[in-house]
Amino acid sequence: MKIKDIKKFSNAEKIILAEQLWDSVAKKEIELSDEIKNELDHRLQIIEEGKTEYYSWNDVKNHLKEIRK
């Protein structure tokens, strides 16, 4: 199958195909560099310590609009 052939599928078939593709990747062990592992550990730590700020999607969109002016 070629990528351009995907247009022939219904939305339901595309979703099933995407799920099958994801499952085939998710079952494999993904190698992470030490740098990425350290960054993920750091992010988890600051979340657990309550030092993380969370923003709503509307806040993010408004911020992006402001910086693009």
N, C-alpha and C. Protein backbone atom coordinates (compact mmCIF):
# COMPACT_ATOMS: atom_id res chain seq x y z
N MET A 1 0.84 -1.18 0.00
CA MET A 1 0.00 0.00 0.00
C MET A 1 0.89 1.24 0.00
N LYS A 2 0.48 2.22 -0.76
CA LYS A 2 1.19 3.50 -0.80
C LYS A 2 0.40 4.51 0.02
N ILE A 3 1.10 5.50 0.53
CA ILE A 3 0.48 6.53 1.36
C ILE A 3 -0.70 7.17 0.65
N LYS A 4 -0.59 7.43 -0.64
CA LYS A 4 -1.68 8.08 -1.37
C LYS A 4 -2.94 7.22 -1.41
N ASP A 5 -2.81 5.90 -1.21
CA ASP A 5 -3.97 5.00 -1.20
C ASP A 5 -4.85 5.17 0.03
N ILE A 6 -4.35 5.84 1.05
CA ILE A 6 -5.11 6.02 2.29
C ILE A 6 -6.40 6.80 2.02
N LYS A 7 -6.41 7.65 1.03
CA LYS A 7 -7.60 8.44 0.70
C LYS A 7 -8.80 7.55 0.35
N LYS A 8 -8.53 6.32 -0.06
CA LYS A 8 -9.60 5.40 -0.44
C LYS A 8 -10.36 4.84 0.76
N PHE A 9 -9.74 4.89 1.94
CA PHE A 9 -10.34 4.30 3.14
C PHE A 9 -11.35 5.24 3.79
N SER A 10 -12.33 4.65 4.44
CA SER A 10 -13.28 5.46 5.23
C SER A 10 -12.57 5.94 6.49
N ASN A 11 -13.19 6.89 7.19
CA ASN A 11 -12.59 7.37 8.44
C ASN A 11 -12.45 6.25 9.45
N ALA A 12 -13.45 5.38 9.54
CA ALA A 12 -13.38 4.26 10.48
C ALA A 12 -12.21 3.34 10.14
N GLU A 13 -12.01 3.08 8.87
CA GLU A 13 -10.89 2.22 8.45
C GLU A 13 -9.55 2.88 8.74
N LYS A 14 -9.49 4.20 8.57
CA LYS A 14 -8.25 4.92 8.87
C LYS A 14 -7.92 4.85 10.36
N ILE A 15 -8.95 4.95 11.19
CA ILE A 15 -8.74 4.87 12.64
C ILE A 15 -8.22 3.50 13.02
N ILE A 16 -8.80 2.46 12.46
CA ILE A 16 -8.35 1.08 12.74
C ILE A 16 -6.91 0.90 12.28
N LEU A 17 -6.59 1.42 11.12
CA LEU A 17 -5.23 1.33 10.59
C LEU A 17 -4.25 2.07 11.51
N ALA A 18 -4.64 3.26 11.97
CA ALA A 18 -3.78 4.02 12.88
C ALA A 18 -3.58 3.27 14.19
N GLU A 19 -4.64 2.64 14.71
CA GLU A 19 -4.51 1.87 15.95
C GLU A 19 -3.57 0.69 15.76
N GLN A 20 -3.70 0.01 14.63
CA GLN A 20 -2.81 -1.13 14.36
C GLN A 20 -1.37 -0.68 14.22
N LEU A 21 -1.17 0.44 13.57
CA LEU A 21 0.19 0.98 13.42
C LEU A 21 0.76 1.36 14.78
N TRP A 22 -0.04 2.05 15.60
CA TRP A 22 0.42 2.45 16.93
C TRP A 22 0.75 1.23 17.78
N ASP A 23 -0.14 0.22 17.76
CA ASP A 23 0.11 -0.99 18.54
C ASP A 23 1.40 -1.68 18.13
N SER A 24 1.70 -1.66 16.84
CA SER A 24 2.93 -2.32 16.38
C SER A 24 4.17 -1.59 16.88
N VAL A 25 4.06 -0.28 17.08
CA VAL A 25 5.19 0.50 17.59
C VAL A 25 5.24 0.40 19.11
N ALA A 26 4.08 0.49 19.75
CA ALA A 26 4.02 0.53 21.21
C ALA A 26 4.51 -0.76 21.85
N LYS A 27 4.42 -1.86 21.15
CA LYS A 27 4.84 -3.14 21.71
C LYS A 27 6.35 -3.29 21.76
N LYS A 28 7.04 -2.48 21.01
CA LYS A 28 8.49 -2.57 20.96
C LYS A 28 9.11 -1.68 22.03
N GLU A 29 10.23 -2.11 22.53
CA GLU A 29 10.96 -1.31 23.51
C GLU A 29 11.56 -0.10 22.82
N ILE A 30 11.27 1.08 23.35
CA ILE A 30 11.78 2.30 22.77
C ILE A 30 13.02 2.72 23.56
N GLU A 31 14.09 2.95 22.86
CA GLU A 31 15.35 3.34 23.48
C GLU A 31 15.35 4.85 23.71
N LEU A 32 15.64 5.26 24.93
CA LEU A 32 15.76 6.67 25.26
C LEU A 32 17.19 6.96 25.69
N SER A 33 17.67 8.10 25.26
CA SER A 33 19.02 8.48 25.67
C SER A 33 19.00 8.83 27.15
N ASP A 34 20.17 8.83 27.78
CA ASP A 34 20.27 9.22 29.18
C ASP A 34 19.81 10.67 29.38
N GLU A 35 20.09 11.51 28.40
CA GLU A 35 19.68 12.91 28.49
C GLU A 35 18.15 13.03 28.55
N ILE A 36 17.46 12.28 27.73
CA ILE A 36 15.99 12.32 27.72
C ILE A 36 15.44 11.71 29.00
N LYS A 37 16.02 10.61 29.44
CA LYS A 37 15.58 9.99 30.70
C LYS A 37 15.73 10.97 31.86
N ASN A 38 16.85 11.66 31.91
CA ASN A 38 17.09 12.64 32.98
C ASN A 38 16.08 13.78 32.93
N GLU A 39 15.78 14.25 31.71
CA GLU A 39 14.82 15.33 31.57
C GLU A 39 13.43 14.88 32.01
N LEU A 40 13.02 13.68 31.64
CA LEU A 40 11.71 13.16 32.05
C LEU A 40 11.65 12.99 33.57
N ASP A 41 12.74 12.48 34.16
CA ASP A 41 12.79 12.34 35.62
C ASP A 41 12.68 13.70 36.30
N HIS A 42 13.35 14.69 35.73
CA HIS A 42 13.31 16.05 36.30
C HIS A 42 11.88 16.61 36.22
N ARG A 43 11.23 16.42 35.08
CA ARG A 43 9.86 16.92 34.93
C ARG A 43 8.90 16.24 35.90
N LEU A 44 9.05 14.94 36.07
CA LEU A 44 8.21 14.23 37.05
C LEU A 44 8.45 14.74 38.46
N GLN A 45 9.71 15.01 38.77
CA GLN A 45 10.06 15.49 40.11
C GLN A 45 9.41 16.84 40.40
N ILE A 46 9.48 17.78 39.45
CA ILE A 46 8.90 19.09 39.72
C ILE A 46 7.37 19.02 39.75
N ILE A 47 6.78 18.08 39.04
CA ILE A 47 5.33 17.89 39.14
C ILE A 47 4.97 17.39 40.54
N GLU A 48 5.72 16.37 41.00
CA GLU A 48 5.46 15.80 42.32
C GLU A 48 5.68 16.81 43.44
N GLU A 49 6.61 17.75 43.24
CA GLU A 49 6.90 18.77 44.25
C GLU A 49 5.94 19.95 44.15
N GLY A 50 5.04 19.94 43.20
CA GLY A 50 4.08 21.02 43.03
C GLY A 50 4.68 22.31 42.50
N LYS A 51 5.79 22.19 41.80
CA LYS A 51 6.49 23.37 41.28
C LYS A 51 6.17 23.65 39.81
N THR A 52 5.16 22.99 39.30
CA THR A 52 4.83 23.12 37.89
C THR A 52 3.58 23.98 37.73
N GLU A 53 3.61 24.88 36.76
CA GLU A 53 2.44 25.67 36.45
C GLU A 53 1.71 25.01 35.29
N TYR A 54 0.40 25.00 35.37
CA TYR A 54 -0.42 24.43 34.30
C TYR A 54 -1.21 25.55 33.65
N TYR A 55 -1.41 25.44 32.36
CA TYR A 55 -2.13 26.46 31.61
C TYR A 55 -3.27 25.80 30.84
N SER A 56 -4.39 26.50 30.75
CA SER A 56 -5.51 25.99 29.96
C SER A 56 -5.17 26.19 28.48
N TRP A 57 -5.88 25.49 27.63
CA TRP A 57 -5.66 25.63 26.20
C TRP A 57 -5.98 27.06 25.76
N ASN A 58 -7.00 27.67 26.36
CA ASN A 58 -7.32 29.06 26.04
C ASN A 58 -6.18 29.99 26.42
N ASP A 59 -5.55 29.76 27.57
CA ASP A 59 -4.40 30.57 27.97
C ASP A 59 -3.27 30.46 26.95
N VAL A 60 -3.03 29.25 26.50
CA VAL A 60 -1.95 29.02 25.52
C VAL A 60 -2.27 29.73 24.20
N LYS A 61 -3.51 29.59 23.73
CA LYS A 61 -3.90 30.24 22.47
C LYS A 61 -3.78 31.75 22.59
N ASN A 62 -4.24 32.31 23.70
CA ASN A 62 -4.14 33.76 23.90
C ASN A 62 -2.69 34.23 23.95
N HIS A 63 -1.85 33.46 24.60
CA HIS A 63 -0.43 33.80 24.66
C HIS A 63 0.18 33.80 23.26
N LEU A 64 -0.14 32.78 22.48
CA LEU A 64 0.40 32.71 21.11
C LEU A 64 -0.08 33.87 20.25
N LYS A 65 -1.34 34.26 20.42
CA LYS A 65 -1.87 35.41 19.68
C LYS A 65 -1.10 36.68 20.05
N GLU A 66 -0.81 36.83 21.34
CA GLU A 66 -0.10 38.01 21.81
C GLU A 66 1.33 38.10 21.26
N ILE A 67 2.03 37.00 21.25
CA ILE A 67 3.43 37.05 20.81
C ILE A 67 3.55 37.14 19.29
N ARG A 68 2.46 36.87 18.57
CA ARG A 68 2.49 36.97 17.10
C ARG A 68 2.12 38.34 16.59
N LYS A 69 1.74 39.24 17.47
CA LYS A 69 1.35 40.60 17.05
C LYS A 69 2.56 41.37 16.57
